[in-house]
Amino acid sequence: MDLSRLACMALGVTFVWAGVAKLADARWPGSAAAFGVPGVIAAVIAPVELVLGAALVTLPGRLVASVAMAVLVVYTYIVVREVRSEGAAPPCACFGGLNVRPVSWRTVARNVALLALAVLALAG
């Protein structure tokens, strides 16, 4: 198995885990709202993560990896915006209720690592 395929699988598992955790957390819509995410968008994030994660695992390729990268860029932008804001950062709801610490530069670093996996996935 090549590095690109492993990167797709790792990203896929991460997206599925995040989607399932959000669906299992009744507080997810409120957590998303704290980041300024409209309710209609928050409602589709978890299902999109599940589909994207499954696609990364079962149909790896540049298109799917590109979509994952785009999603991660948006997520990272939102987190950086919150970390840099003057107010208290909202809790990270990236994995539903599994992580209730406020977003921080550590969250950004995690997303950058996931973006690096997306780059590896694109290399295949």
PDB file of N, CA and C in Angstrom:
ATOM      1  N   MET A   1       0.861  -1.175   0.000  1.00  0.00           N
ATOM      2  CA  MET A   1       0.000   0.000   0.000  1.00  0.00           C
ATOM      3  C   MET A   1       0.905   1.236   0.000  1.00  0.00           C
ATOM      4  N   ASP A   2       0.605   2.172  -0.875  1.00  0.00           N
ATOM      5  CA  ASP A   2       1.450   3.364  -0.964  1.00  0.00           C
ATOM      6  C   ASP A   2       1.031   4.437   0.038  1.00  0.00           C
ATOM      7  N   LEU A   3       1.898   5.440   0.169  1.00  0.00           N
ATOM      8  CA  LEU A   3       1.696   6.509   1.149  1.00  0.00           C
ATOM      9  C   LEU A   3       0.428   7.314   0.869  1.00  0.00           C
ATOM     10  N   SER A   4       0.128   7.531  -0.392  1.00  0.00           N
ATOM     11  CA  SER A   4      -1.077   8.270  -0.771  1.00  0.00           C
ATOM     12  C   SER A   4      -2.331   7.546  -0.288  1.00  0.00           C
ATOM     13  N   ARG A   5      -2.365   6.250  -0.466  1.00  0.00           N
ATOM     14  CA  ARG A   5      -3.522   5.448  -0.041  1.00  0.00           C
ATOM     15  C   ARG A   5      -3.657   5.470   1.479  1.00  0.00           C
ATOM     16  N   LEU A   6      -2.528   5.351   2.174  1.00  0.00           N
ATOM     17  CA  LEU A   6      -2.568   5.423   3.643  1.00  0.00           C
ATOM     18  C   LEU A   6      -3.073   6.784   4.120  1.00  0.00           C
ATOM     19  N   ALA A   7      -2.643   7.848   3.442  1.00  0.00           N
ATOM     20  CA  ALA A   7      -3.101   9.189   3.812  1.00  0.00           C
ATOM     21  C   ALA A   7      -4.612   9.305   3.596  1.00  0.00           C
ATOM     22  N   CYS A   8      -5.118   8.779   2.482  1.00  0.00           N
ATOM     23  CA  CYS A   8      -6.572   8.796   2.235  1.00  0.00           C
ATOM     24  C   CYS A   8      -7.317   8.046   3.326  1.00  0.00           C
ATOM     25  N   MET A   9      -6.786   6.890   3.698  1.00  0.00           N
ATOM     26  CA  MET A   9      -7.452   6.101   4.736  1.00  0.00           C
ATOM     27  C   MET A   9      -7.456   6.827   6.077  1.00  0.00           C
ATOM     28  N   ALA A  10      -6.323   7.427   6.437  1.00  0.00           N
ATOM     29  CA  ALA A  10      -6.250   8.158   7.709  1.00  0.00           C
ATOM     30  C   ALA A  10      -7.216   9.339   7.714  1.00  0.00           C
ATOM     31  N   LEU A  11      -7.258  10.072   6.616  1.00  0.00           N
ATOM     32  CA  LEU A  11      -8.207  11.189   6.520  1.00  0.00           C
ATOM     33  C   LEU A  11      -9.644  10.684   6.569  1.00  0.00           C
ATOM     34  N   GLY A  12      -9.891   9.607   5.859  1.00  0.00           N
ATOM     35  CA  GLY A  12     -11.243   9.048   5.829  1.00  0.00           C
ATOM     36  C   GLY A  12     -11.728   8.649   7.201  1.00  0.00           C
ATOM     37  N   VAL A  13     -10.882   7.960   7.944  1.00  0.00           N
ATOM     38  CA  VAL A  13     -11.251   7.553   9.305  1.00  0.00           C
ATOM     39  C   VAL A  13     -11.491   8.782  10.175  1.00  0.00           C
ATOM     40  N   THR A  14     -10.664   9.793  10.004  1.00  0.00           N
ATOM     41  CA  THR A  14     -10.822  11.025  10.794  1.00  0.00           C
ATOM     42  C   THR A  14     -12.149  11.706  10.492  1.00  0.00           C
ATOM     43  N   PHE A  15     -12.501  11.805   9.207  1.00  0.00           N
ATOM     44  CA  PHE A  15     -13.772  12.438   8.848  1.00  0.00           C
ATOM     45  C   PHE A  15     -14.968  11.622   9.330  1.00  0.00           C
ATOM     46  N   VAL A  16     -14.899  10.298   9.214  1.00  0.00           N
ATOM     47  CA  VAL A  16     -16.003   9.461   9.703  1.00  0.00           C
ATOM     48  C   VAL A  16     -16.144   9.619  11.212  1.00  0.00           C
ATOM     49  N   TRP A  17     -15.030   9.587  11.926  1.00  0.00           N
ATOM     50  CA  TRP A  17     -15.038   9.749  13.383  1.00  0.00           C
ATOM     51  C   TRP A  17     -15.669  11.089  13.753  1.00  0.00           C
ATOM     52  N   ALA A  18     -15.270  12.161  13.073  1.00  0.00           N
ATOM     53  CA  ALA A  18     -15.812  13.495  13.366  1.00  0.00           C
ATOM     54  C   ALA A  18     -17.310  13.545  13.083  1.00  0.00           C
ATOM     55  N   GLY A  19     -17.736  12.961  11.966  1.00  0.00           N
ATOM     56  CA  GLY A  19     -19.159  12.969  11.618  1.00  0.00           C
ATOM     57  C   GLY A  19     -20.005  12.201  12.614  1.00  0.00           C
ATOM     58  N   VAL A  20     -19.549  11.013  12.983  1.00  0.00           N
ATOM     59  CA  VAL A  20     -20.290  10.198  13.955  1.00  0.00           C
ATOM     60  C   VAL A  20     -20.363  10.912  15.299  1.00  0.00           C
ATOM     61  N   ALA A  21     -19.252  11.493  15.731  1.00  0.00           N
ATOM     62  CA  ALA A  21     -19.227  12.193  17.023  1.00  0.00           C
ATOM     63  C   ALA A  21     -20.181  13.379  17.027  1.00  0.00           C
ATOM     64  N   LYS A  22     -20.265  14.096  15.913  1.00  0.00           N
ATOM     65  CA  LYS A  22     -21.193  15.230  15.839  1.00  0.00           C
ATOM     66  C   LYS A  22     -22.641  14.748  15.874  1.00  0.00           C
ATOM     67  N   LEU A  23     -22.938  13.688  15.141  1.00  0.00           N
ATOM     68  CA  LEU A  23     -24.304  13.158  15.134  1.00  0.00           C
ATOM     69  C   LEU A  23     -24.719  12.654  16.513  1.00  0.00           C
ATOM     70  N   ALA A  24     -23.762  12.152  17.283  1.00  0.00           N
ATOM     71  CA  ALA A  24     -24.061  11.623  18.613  1.00  0.00           C
ATOM     72  C   ALA A  24     -24.167  12.714  19.676  1.00  0.00           C
ATOM     73  N   ASP A  25     -23.790  13.933  19.341  1.00  0.00           N
ATOM     74  CA  ASP A  25     -23.756  15.026  20.312  1.00  0.00           C
ATOM     75  C   ASP A  25     -24.929  15.975  20.064  1.00  0.00           C
ATOM     76  N   ALA A  26     -25.912  15.939  20.945  1.00  0.00           N
ATOM     77  CA  ALA A  26     -27.086  16.801  20.792  1.00  0.00           C
ATOM     78  C   ALA A  26     -26.724  18.285  20.871  1.00  0.00           C
ATOM     79  N   ARG A  27     -25.552  18.593  21.422  1.00  0.00           N
ATOM     80  CA  ARG A  27     -25.121  19.987  21.548  1.00  0.00           C
ATOM     81  C   ARG A  27     -24.442  20.511  20.285  1.00  0.00           C
ATOM     82  N   TRP A  28     -24.204  19.652  19.295  1.00  0.00           N
ATOM     83  CA  TRP A  28     -23.459  20.045  18.101  1.00  0.00           C
ATOM     84  C   TRP A  28     -24.030  21.293  17.419  1.00  0.00           C
ATOM     85  N   PRO A  29     -25.339  21.407  17.177  1.00  0.00           N
ATOM     86  CA  PRO A  29     -25.815  22.619  16.496  1.00  0.00           C
ATOM     87  C   PRO A  29     -25.480  23.904  17.255  1.00  0.00           C
ATOM     88  N   GLY A  30     -25.565  23.864  18.574  1.00  0.00           N
ATOM     89  CA  GLY A  30     -25.215  25.028  19.380  1.00  0.00           C
ATOM     90  C   GLY A  30     -23.724  25.324  19.318  1.00  0.00           C
ATOM     91  N   SER A  31     -22.926  24.271  19.301  1.00  0.00           N
ATOM     92  CA  SER A  31     -21.477  24.448  19.185  1.00  0.00           C
ATOM     93  C   SER A  31     -21.119  25.082  17.851  1.00  0.00           C
ATOM     94  N   ALA A  32     -21.759  24.629  16.803  1.00  0.00           N
ATOM     95  CA  ALA A  32     -21.506  25.196  15.472  1.00  0.00           C
ATOM     96  C   ALA A  32     -21.934  26.657  15.424  1.00  0.00           C
ATOM     97  N   ALA A  33     -23.042  26.974  16.067  1.00  0.00           N
ATOM     98  CA  ALA A  33     -23.530  28.353  16.086  1.00  0.00           C
ATOM     99  C   ALA A  33     -22.531  29.284  16.767  1.00  0.00           C
ATOM    100  N   ALA A  34     -21.806  28.768  17.762  1.00  0.00           N
ATOM    101  CA  ALA A  34     -20.805  29.587  18.458  1.00  0.00           C
ATOM    102  C   ALA A  34     -19.676  30.014  17.516  1.00  0.00           C
ATOM    103  N   PHE A  35     -19.504  29.284  16.422  1.00  0.00           N
ATOM    104  CA  PHE A  35     -18.498  29.634  15.406  1.00  0.00           C
ATOM    105  C   PHE A  35     -19.093  30.476  14.289  1.00  0.00           C
ATOM    106  N   GLY A  36     -20.380  30.798  14.406  1.00  0.00           N
ATOM    107  CA  GLY A  36     -21.037  31.590  13.370  1.00  0.00           C
ATOM    108  C   GLY A  36     -21.557  30.767  12.208  1.00  0.00           C
ATOM    109  N   VAL A  37     -21.646  29.455  12.384  1.00  0.00           N
ATOM    110  CA  VAL A  37     -22.135  28.581  11.325  1.00  0.00           C
ATOM    111  C   VAL A  37     -23.663  28.587  11.348  1.00  0.00           C
ATOM    112  N   PRO A  38     -24.299  28.958  10.239  1.00  0.00           N
ATOM    113  CA  PRO A  38     -25.765  28.939  10.199  1.00  0.00           C
ATOM    114  C   PRO A  38     -26.312  27.527  10.430  1.00  0.00           C
ATOM    115  N   GLY A  39     -27.479  27.449  11.038  1.00  0.00           N
ATOM    116  CA  GLY A  39     -28.092  26.167  11.392  1.00  0.00           C
ATOM    117  C   GLY A  39     -28.259  25.219  10.217  1.00  0.00           C
ATOM    118  N   VAL A  40     -28.631  25.747   9.077  1.00  0.00           N
ATOM    119  CA  VAL A  40     -28.846  24.884   7.908  1.00  0.00           C
ATOM    120  C   VAL A  40     -27.527  24.241   7.459  1.00  0.00           C
ATOM    121  N   ILE A  41     -26.422  24.946   7.600  1.00  0.00           N
ATOM    122  CA  ILE A  41     -25.115  24.393   7.235  1.00  0.00           C
ATOM    123  C   ILE A  41     -24.662  23.409   8.309  1.00  0.00           C
ATOM    124  N   ALA A  42     -24.869  23.764   9.567  1.00  0.00           N
ATOM    125  CA  ALA A  42     -24.485  22.866  10.670  1.00  0.00           C
ATOM    126  C   ALA A  42     -25.200  21.518  10.543  1.00  0.00           C
ATOM    127  N   ALA A  43     -26.433  21.539  10.054  1.00  0.00           N
ATOM    128  CA  ALA A  43     -27.210  20.310   9.925  1.00  0.00           C
ATOM    129  C   ALA A  43     -26.626  19.343   8.902  1.00  0.00           C
ATOM    130  N   VAL A  44     -25.894  19.842   7.930  1.00  0.00           N
ATOM    131  CA  VAL A  44     -25.352  18.955   6.891  1.00  0.00           C
ATOM    132  C   VAL A  44     -23.870  18.629   7.076  1.00  0.00           C
ATOM    133  N   ILE A  45     -23.202  19.292   8.003  1.00  0.00           N
ATOM    134  CA  ILE A  45     -21.762  19.061   8.167  1.00  0.00           C
ATOM    135  C   ILE A  45     -21.464  17.604   8.520  1.00  0.00           C
ATOM    136  N   ALA A  46     -22.126  17.053   9.529  1.00  0.00           N
ATOM    137  CA  ALA A  46     -21.837  15.674   9.938  1.00  0.00           C
ATOM    138  C   ALA A  46     -22.116  14.671   8.819  1.00  0.00           C
ATOM    139  N   PRO A  47     -23.268  14.742   8.146  1.00  0.00           N
ATOM    140  CA  PRO A  47     -23.482  13.801   7.037  1.00  0.00           C
ATOM    141  C   PRO A  47     -22.450  13.957   5.909  1.00  0.00           C
ATOM    142  N   VAL A  48     -22.057  15.188   5.625  1.00  0.00           N
ATOM    143  CA  VAL A  48     -21.037  15.411   4.592  1.00  0.00           C
ATOM    144  C   VAL A  48     -19.717  14.785   5.032  1.00  0.00           C
ATOM    145  N   GLU A  49     -19.370  14.942   6.304  1.00  0.00           N
ATOM    146  CA  GLU A  49     -18.137  14.334   6.801  1.00  0.00           C
ATOM    147  C   GLU A  49     -18.188  12.812   6.683  1.00  0.00           C
ATOM    148  N   LEU A  50     -19.336  12.231   6.969  1.00  0.00           N
ATOM    149  CA  LEU A  50     -19.470  10.774   6.852  1.00  0.00           C
ATOM    150  C   LEU A  50     -19.280  10.314   5.411  1.00  0.00           C
ATOM    151  N   VAL A  51     -19.932  10.982   4.484  1.00  0.00           N
ATOM    152  CA  VAL A  51     -19.827  10.621   3.066  1.00  0.00           C
ATOM    153  C   VAL A  51     -18.403  10.842   2.568  1.00  0.00           C
ATOM    154  N   LEU A  52     -17.814  11.987   2.923  1.00  0.00           N
ATOM    155  CA  LEU A  52     -16.453  12.283   2.495  1.00  0.00           C
ATOM    156  C   LEU A  52     -15.468  11.265   3.078  1.00  0.00           C
ATOM    157  N   GLY A  53     -15.625  10.944   4.345  1.00  0.00           N
ATOM    158  CA  GLY A  53     -14.751   9.952   4.965  1.00  0.00           C
ATOM    159  C   GLY A  53     -14.868   8.593   4.302  1.00  0.00           C
ATOM    160  N   ALA A  54     -16.100   8.166   4.039  1.00  0.00           N
ATOM    161  CA  ALA A  54     -16.304   6.881   3.367  1.00  0.00           C
ATOM    162  C   ALA A  54     -15.697   6.895   1.967  1.00  0.00           C
ATOM    163  N   ALA A  55     -15.834   8.004   1.270  1.00  0.00           N
ATOM    164  CA  ALA A  55     -15.257   8.118  -0.072  1.00  0.00           C
ATOM    165  C   ALA A  55     -13.733   8.064  -0.027  1.00  0.00           C
ATOM    166  N   LEU A  56     -13.135   8.707   0.964  1.00  0.00           N
ATOM    167  CA  LEU A  56     -11.674   8.674   1.089  1.00  0.00           C
ATOM    168  C   LEU A  56     -11.162   7.256   1.307  1.00  0.00           C
ATOM    169  N   VAL A  57     -11.922   6.458   2.045  1.00  0.00           N
ATOM    170  CA  VAL A  57     -11.500   5.090   2.333  1.00  0.00           C
ATOM    171  C   VAL A  57     -11.780   4.161   1.145  1.00  0.00           C
ATOM    172  N   THR A  58     -12.929   4.323   0.516  1.00  0.00           N
ATOM    173  CA  THR A  58     -13.331   3.367  -0.522  1.00  0.00           C
ATOM    174  C   THR A  58     -13.008   3.808  -1.947  1.00  0.00           C
ATOM    175  N   LEU A  59     -12.968   5.104  -2.199  1.00  0.00           N
ATOM    176  CA  LEU A  59     -12.718   5.635  -3.539  1.00  0.00           C
ATOM    177  C   LEU A  59     -11.595   6.658  -3.518  1.00  0.00           C
ATOM    178  N   PRO A  60     -10.434   6.293  -3.004  1.00  0.00           N
ATOM    179  CA  PRO A  60      -9.370   7.290  -2.884  1.00  0.00           C
ATOM    180  C   PRO A  60      -8.979   7.831  -4.256  1.00  0.00           C
ATOM    181  N   GLY A  61      -8.611   9.061  -4.279  1.00  0.00           N
ATOM    182  CA  GLY A  61      -8.193   9.686  -5.523  1.00  0.00           C
ATOM    183  C   GLY A  61      -8.035  11.173  -5.333  1.00  0.00           C
ATOM    184  N   ARG A  62      -7.572  11.814  -6.376  1.00  0.00           N
ATOM    185  CA  ARG A  62      -7.291  13.246  -6.281  1.00  0.00           C
ATOM    186  C   ARG A  62      -8.542  14.082  -6.057  1.00  0.00           C
ATOM    187  N   LEU A  63      -9.632  13.728  -6.692  1.00  0.00           N
ATOM    188  CA  LEU A  63     -10.857  14.519  -6.523  1.00  0.00           C
ATOM    189  C   LEU A  63     -11.329  14.487  -5.075  1.00  0.00           C
ATOM    190  N   VAL A  64     -11.416  13.294  -4.512  1.00  0.00           N
ATOM    191  CA  VAL A  64     -11.883  13.163  -3.129  1.00  0.00           C
ATOM    192  C   VAL A  64     -10.900  13.832  -2.173  1.00  0.00           C
ATOM    193  N   ALA A  65      -9.604  13.651  -2.421  1.00  0.00           N
ATOM    194  CA  ALA A  65      -8.594  14.289  -1.569  1.00  0.00           C
ATOM    195  C   ALA A  65      -8.673  15.809  -1.683  1.00  0.00           C
ATOM    196  N   SER A  66      -8.983  16.314  -2.868  1.00  0.00           N
ATOM    197  CA  SER A  66      -9.125  17.765  -3.065  1.00  0.00           C
ATOM    198  C   SER A  66     -10.307  18.313  -2.280  1.00  0.00           C
ATOM    199  N   VAL A  67     -11.405  17.581  -2.272  1.00  0.00           N
ATOM    200  CA  VAL A  67     -12.577  18.004  -1.499  1.00  0.00           C
ATOM    201  C   VAL A  67     -12.233  18.015  -0.009  1.00  0.00           C
ATOM    202  N   ALA A  68     -11.543  16.979   0.444  1.00  0.00           N
ATOM    203  CA  ALA A  68     -11.134  16.927   1.859  1.00  0.00           C
ATOM    204  C   ALA A  68     -10.244  18.116   2.193  1.00  0.00           C
ATOM    205  N   MET A  69      -9.325  18.425   1.296  1.00  0.00           N
ATOM    206  CA  MET A  69      -8.433  19.559   1.530  1.00  0.00           C
ATOM    207  C   MET A  69      -9.227  20.865   1.611  1.00  0.00           C
ATOM    208  N   ALA A  70     -10.176  21.049   0.718  1.00  0.00           N
ATOM    209  CA  ALA A  70     -10.990  22.267   0.725  1.00  0.00           C
ATOM    210  C   ALA A  70     -11.774  22.391   2.037  1.00  0.00           C
ATOM    211  N   VAL A  71     -12.355  21.291   2.485  1.00  0.00           N
ATOM    212  CA  VAL A  71     -13.101  21.300   3.752  1.00  0.00           C
ATOM    213  C   VAL A  71     -12.163  21.663   4.908  1.00  0.00           C
ATOM    214  N   LEU A  72     -10.985  21.069   4.934  1.00  0.00           N
ATOM    215  CA  LEU A  72     -10.028  21.358   6.004  1.00  0.00           C
ATOM    216  C   LEU A  72      -9.541  22.803   5.965  1.00  0.00           C
ATOM    217  N   VAL A  73      -9.387  23.366   4.777  1.00  0.00           N
ATOM    218  CA  VAL A  73      -8.991  24.779   4.672  1.00  0.00           C
ATOM    219  C   VAL A  73     -10.072  25.663   5.285  1.00  0.00           C
ATOM    220  N   VAL A  74     -11.329  25.370   4.988  1.00  0.00           N
ATOM    221  CA  VAL A  74     -12.434  26.166   5.558  1.00  0.00           C
ATOM    222  C   VAL A  74     -12.455  26.015   7.075  1.00  0.00           C
ATOM    223  N   TYR A  75     -12.363  24.785   7.561  1.00  0.00           N
ATOM    224  CA  TYR A  75     -12.359  24.560   9.010  1.00  0.00           C
ATOM    225  C   TYR A  75     -11.202  25.315   9.668  1.00  0.00           C
ATOM    226  N   THR A  76     -10.030  25.245   9.060  1.00  0.00           N
ATOM    227  CA  THR A  76      -8.852  25.899   9.634  1.00  0.00           C
ATOM    228  C   THR A  76      -9.014  27.413   9.645  1.00  0.00           C
ATOM    229  N   TYR A  77      -9.570  27.963   8.588  1.00  0.00           N
ATOM    230  CA  TYR A  77      -9.832  29.404   8.541  1.00  0.00           C
ATOM    231  C   TYR A  77     -10.750  29.807   9.700  1.00  0.00           C
ATOM    232  N   ILE A  78     -11.810  29.059   9.912  1.00  0.00           N
ATOM    233  CA  ILE A  78     -12.768  29.384  10.977  1.00  0.00           C
ATOM    234  C   ILE A  78     -12.086  29.308  12.344  1.00  0.00           C
ATOM    235  N   VAL A  79     -11.265  28.288  12.556  1.00  0.00           N
ATOM    236  CA  VAL A  79     -10.579  28.141  13.843  1.00  0.00           C
ATOM    237  C   VAL A  79      -9.579  29.277  14.058  1.00  0.00           C
ATOM    238  N   VAL A  80      -8.795  29.597  13.027  1.00  0.00           N
ATOM    239  CA  VAL A  80      -7.823  30.699  13.152  1.00  0.00           C
ATOM    240  C   VAL A  80      -8.549  32.004  13.463  1.00  0.00           C
ATOM    241  N   ARG A  81      -9.657  32.238  12.783  1.00  0.00           N
ATOM    242  CA  ARG A  81     -10.445  33.456  13.039  1.00  0.00           C
ATOM    243  C   ARG A  81     -10.870  33.529  14.503  1.00  0.00           C
ATOM    244  N   GLU A  82     -11.309  32.418  15.059  1.00  0.00           N
ATOM    245  CA  GLU A  82     -11.754  32.399  16.459  1.00  0.00           C
ATOM    246  C   GLU A  82     -10.587  32.555  17.427  1.00  0.00           C
ATOM    247  N   VAL A  83      -9.467  31.905  17.133  1.00  0.00           N
ATOM    248  CA  VAL A  83      -8.300  31.998  18.008  1.00  0.00           C
ATOM    249  C   VAL A  83      -7.785  33.431  18.043  1.00  0.00           C
ATOM    250  N   ARG A  84      -7.837  34.118  16.917  1.00  0.00           N
ATOM    251  CA  ARG A  84      -7.312  35.482  16.842  1.00  0.00           C
ATOM    252  C   ARG A  84      -8.296  36.535  17.352  1.00  0.00           C
ATOM    253  N   SER A  85      -9.552  36.158  17.558  1.00  0.00           N
ATOM    254  CA  SER A  85     -10.540  37.143  18.011  1.00  0.00           C
ATOM    255  C   SER A  85     -10.260  37.546  19.458  1.00  0.00           C
ATOM    256  N   GLU A  86     -10.789  38.674  19.839  1.00  0.00           N
ATOM    257  CA  GLU A  86     -10.564  39.221  21.179  1.00  0.00           C
ATOM    258  C   GLU A  86     -11.321  38.474  22.271  1.00  0.00           C
ATOM    259  N   GLY A  87     -12.447  37.883  21.931  1.00  0.00           N
ATOM    260  CA  GLY A  87     -13.269  37.217  22.944  1.00  0.00           C
ATOM    261  C   GLY A  87     -12.762  35.828  23.273  1.00  0.00           C
ATOM    262  N   ALA A  88     -13.473  35.185  24.174  1.00  0.00           N
ATOM    263  CA  ALA A  88     -13.124  33.816  24.545  1.00  0.00           C
ATOM    264  C   ALA A  88     -13.448  32.887  23.384  1.00  0.00           C
ATOM    265  N   ALA A  89     -12.526  32.014  23.084  1.00  0.00           N
ATOM    266  CA  ALA A  89     -12.727  31.065  21.988  1.00  0.00           C
ATOM    267  C   ALA A  89     -13.759  30.023  22.400  1.00  0.00           C
ATOM    268  N   PRO A  90     -14.643  29.645  21.463  1.00  0.00           N
ATOM    269  CA  PRO A  90     -15.639  28.616  21.785  1.00  0.00           C
ATOM    270  C   PRO A  90     -14.979  27.242  21.888  1.00  0.00           C
ATOM    271  N   PRO A  91     -15.655  26.313  22.550  1.00  0.00           N
ATOM    272  CA  PRO A  91     -15.111  24.957  22.640  1.00  0.00           C
ATOM    273  C   PRO A  91     -15.004  24.321  21.251  1.00  0.00           C
ATOM    274  N   CYS A  92     -13.974  23.522  21.103  1.00  0.00           N
ATOM    275  CA  CYS A  92     -13.792  22.788  19.851  1.00  0.00           C
ATOM    276  C   CYS A  92     -14.875  21.719  19.785  1.00  0.00           C
ATOM    277  N   ALA A  93     -15.677  21.778  18.773  1.00  0.00           N
ATOM    278  CA  ALA A  93     -16.719  20.762  18.573  1.00  0.00           C
ATOM    279  C   ALA A  93     -16.380  19.918  17.352  1.00  0.00           C
ATOM    280  N   CYS A  94     -15.117  19.908  17.003  1.00  0.00           N
ATOM    281  CA  CYS A  94     -14.652  19.208  15.808  1.00  0.00           C
ATOM    282  C   CYS A  94     -14.989  17.725  15.853  1.00  0.00           C
ATOM    283  N   PHE A  95     -14.969  17.161  17.047  1.00  0.00           N
ATOM    284  CA  PHE A  95     -15.302  15.753  17.231  1.00  0.00           C
ATOM    285  C   PHE A  95     -16.454  15.650  18.229  1.00  0.00           C
ATOM    286  N   GLY A  96     -17.492  16.446  17.992  1.00  0.00           N
ATOM    287  CA  GLY A  96     -18.661  16.438  18.856  1.00  0.00           C
ATOM    288  C   GLY A  96     -18.292  16.778  20.287  1.00  0.00           C
ATOM    289  N   GLY A  97     -18.874  16.071  21.222  1.00  0.00           N
ATOM    290  CA  GLY A  97     -18.642  16.320  22.632  1.00  0.00           C
ATOM    291  C   GLY A  97     -17.368  15.679  23.171  1.00  0.00           C
ATOM    292  N   LEU A  98     -16.577  15.044  22.291  1.00  0.00           N
ATOM    293  CA  LEU A  98     -15.355  14.388  22.749  1.00  0.00           C
ATOM    294  C   LEU A  98     -14.277  15.380  23.158  1.00  0.00           C
ATOM    295  N   ASN A  99     -14.375  16.602  22.656  1.00  0.00           N
ATOM    296  CA  ASN A  99     -13.384  17.621  23.005  1.00  0.00           C
ATOM    297  C   ASN A  99     -14.123  18.908  23.336  1.00  0.00           C
ATOM    298  N   VAL A 100     -14.058  19.317  24.582  1.00  0.00           N
ATOM    299  CA  VAL A 100     -14.781  20.514  24.995  1.00  0.00           C
ATOM    300  C   VAL A 100     -13.843  21.667  25.336  1.00  0.00           C
ATOM    301  N   ARG A 101     -12.527  21.477  25.082  1.00  0.00           N
ATOM    302  CA  ARG A 101     -11.588  22.580  25.305  1.00  0.00           C
ATOM    303  C   ARG A 101     -11.783  23.633  24.228  1.00  0.00           C
ATOM    304  N   PRO A 102     -11.542  24.893  24.575  1.00  0.00           N
ATOM    305  CA  PRO A 102     -11.649  25.947  23.552  1.00  0.00           C
ATOM    306  C   PRO A 102     -10.643  25.719  22.420  1.00  0.00           C
ATOM    307  N   VAL A 103     -11.021  26.168  21.225  1.00  0.00           N
ATOM    308  CA  VAL A 103     -10.080  26.072  20.113  1.00  0.00           C
ATOM    309  C   VAL A 103      -8.858  26.908  20.449  1.00  0.00           C
ATOM    310  N   SER A 104      -7.716  26.463  19.923  1.00  0.00           N
ATOM    311  CA  SER A 104      -6.447  27.135  20.210  1.00  0.00           C
ATOM    312  C   SER A 104      -5.514  26.903  19.032  1.00  0.00           C
ATOM    313  N   TRP A 105      -4.287  27.387  19.192  1.00  0.00           N
ATOM    314  CA  TRP A 105      -3.294  27.142  18.146  1.00  0.00           C
ATOM    315  C   TRP A 105      -3.006  25.649  18.029  1.00  0.00           C
ATOM    316  N   ARG A 106      -3.256  24.911  19.078  1.00  0.00           N
ATOM    317  CA  ARG A 106      -3.114  23.442  19.013  1.00  0.00           C
ATOM    318  C   ARG A 106      -4.133  22.859  18.025  1.00  0.00           C
ATOM    319  N   THR A 107      -5.339  23.400  18.034  1.00  0.00           N
ATOM    320  CA  THR A 107      -6.363  22.968  17.073  1.00  0.00           C
ATOM    321  C   THR A 107      -5.908  23.275  15.653  1.00  0.00           C
ATOM    322  N   VAL A 108      -5.324  24.454  15.481  1.00  0.00           N
ATOM    323  CA  VAL A 108      -4.809  24.846  14.164  1.00  0.00           C
ATOM    324  C   VAL A 108      -3.709  23.873  13.732  1.00  0.00           C
ATOM    325  N   ALA A 109      -2.812  23.532  14.653  1.00  0.00           N
ATOM    326  CA  ALA A 109      -1.717  22.601  14.336  1.00  0.00           C
ATOM    327  C   ALA A 109      -2.271  21.240  13.919  1.00  0.00           C
ATOM    328  N   ARG A 110      -3.301  20.777  14.603  1.00  0.00           N
ATOM    329  CA  ARG A 110      -3.924  19.497  14.225  1.00  0.00           C
ATOM    330  C   ARG A 110      -4.468  19.580  12.806  1.00  0.00           C
ATOM    331  N   ASN A 111      -5.143  20.692  12.499  1.00  0.00           N
ATOM    332  CA  ASN A 111      -5.696  20.847  11.154  1.00  0.00           C
ATOM    333  C   ASN A 111      -4.600  20.927  10.097  1.00  0.00           C
ATOM    334  N   VAL A 112      -3.496  21.573  10.430  1.00  0.00           N
ATOM    335  CA  VAL A 112      -2.369  21.647   9.484  1.00  0.00           C
ATOM    336  C   VAL A 112      -1.815  20.241   9.240  1.00  0.00           C
ATOM    337  N   ALA A 113      -1.757  19.416  10.271  1.00  0.00           N
ATOM    338  CA  ALA A 113      -1.306  18.029  10.099  1.00  0.00           C
ATOM    339  C   ALA A 113      -2.272  17.272   9.191  1.00  0.00           C
ATOM    340  N   LEU A 114      -3.566  17.501   9.370  1.00  0.00           N
ATOM    341  CA  LEU A 114      -4.554  16.858   8.498  1.00  0.00           C
ATOM    342  C   LEU A 114      -4.432  17.376   7.064  1.00  0.00           C
ATOM    343  N   LEU A 115      -4.128  18.655   6.917  1.00  0.00           N
ATOM    344  CA  LEU A 115      -3.888  19.205   5.578  1.00  0.00           C
ATOM    345  C   LEU A 115      -2.661  18.560   4.934  1.00  0.00           C
ATOM    346  N   ALA A 116      -1.646  18.283   5.734  1.00  0.00           N
ATOM    347  CA  ALA A 116      -0.463  17.593   5.203  1.00  0.00           C
ATOM    348  C   ALA A 116      -0.839  16.195   4.708  1.00  0.00           C
ATOM    349  N   LEU A 117      -1.720  15.513   5.430  1.00  0.00           N
ATOM    350  CA  LEU A 117      -2.215  14.222   4.951  1.00  0.00           C
ATOM    351  C   LEU A 117      -2.952  14.377   3.625  1.00  0.00           C
ATOM    352  N   ALA A 118      -3.732  15.443   3.500  1.00  0.00           N
ATOM    353  CA  ALA A 118      -4.445  15.690   2.240  1.00  0.00           C
ATOM    354  C   ALA A 118      -3.471  15.917   1.094  1.00  0.00           C
ATOM    355  N   VAL A 119      -2.379  16.620   1.374  1.00  0.00           N
ATOM    356  CA  VAL A 119      -1.351  16.832   0.348  1.00  0.00           C
ATOM    357  C   VAL A 119      -0.746  15.483  -0.067  1.00  0.00           C
ATOM    358  N   LEU A 120      -0.460  14.636   0.912  1.00  0.00           N
ATOM    359  CA  LEU A 120       0.054  13.295   0.601  1.00  0.00           C
ATOM    360  C   LEU A 120      -0.957  12.491  -0.216  1.00  0.00           C
ATOM    361  N   ALA A 121      -2.225  12.635   0.142  1.00  0.00           N
ATOM    362  CA  ALA A 121      -3.268  11.914  -0.595  1.00  0.00           C
ATOM    363  C   ALA A 121      -3.347  12.400  -2.036  1.00  0.00           C
ATOM    364  N   LEU A 122      -3.111  13.673  -2.260  1.00  0.00           N
ATOM    365  CA  LEU A 122      -3.130  14.239  -3.611  1.00  0.00           C
ATOM    366  C   LEU A 122      -1.941  13.779  -4.443  1.00  0.00           C
ATOM    367  N   ALA A 123      -0.862  13.406  -3.776  1.00  0.00           N
ATOM    368  CA  ALA A 123       0.360  13.035  -4.492  1.00  0.00           C
ATOM    369  C   ALA A 123       0.215  11.702  -5.233  1.00  0.00           C
ATOM    370  N   GLY A 124      -0.798  10.927  -4.854  1.00  0.00           N
ATOM    371  CA  GLY A 124      -0.956   9.589  -5.450  1.00  0.00           C
ATOM    372  C   GLY A 124      -1.577   9.572  -6.797  1.00  0.00           C
TER     373      GLY A 124
END
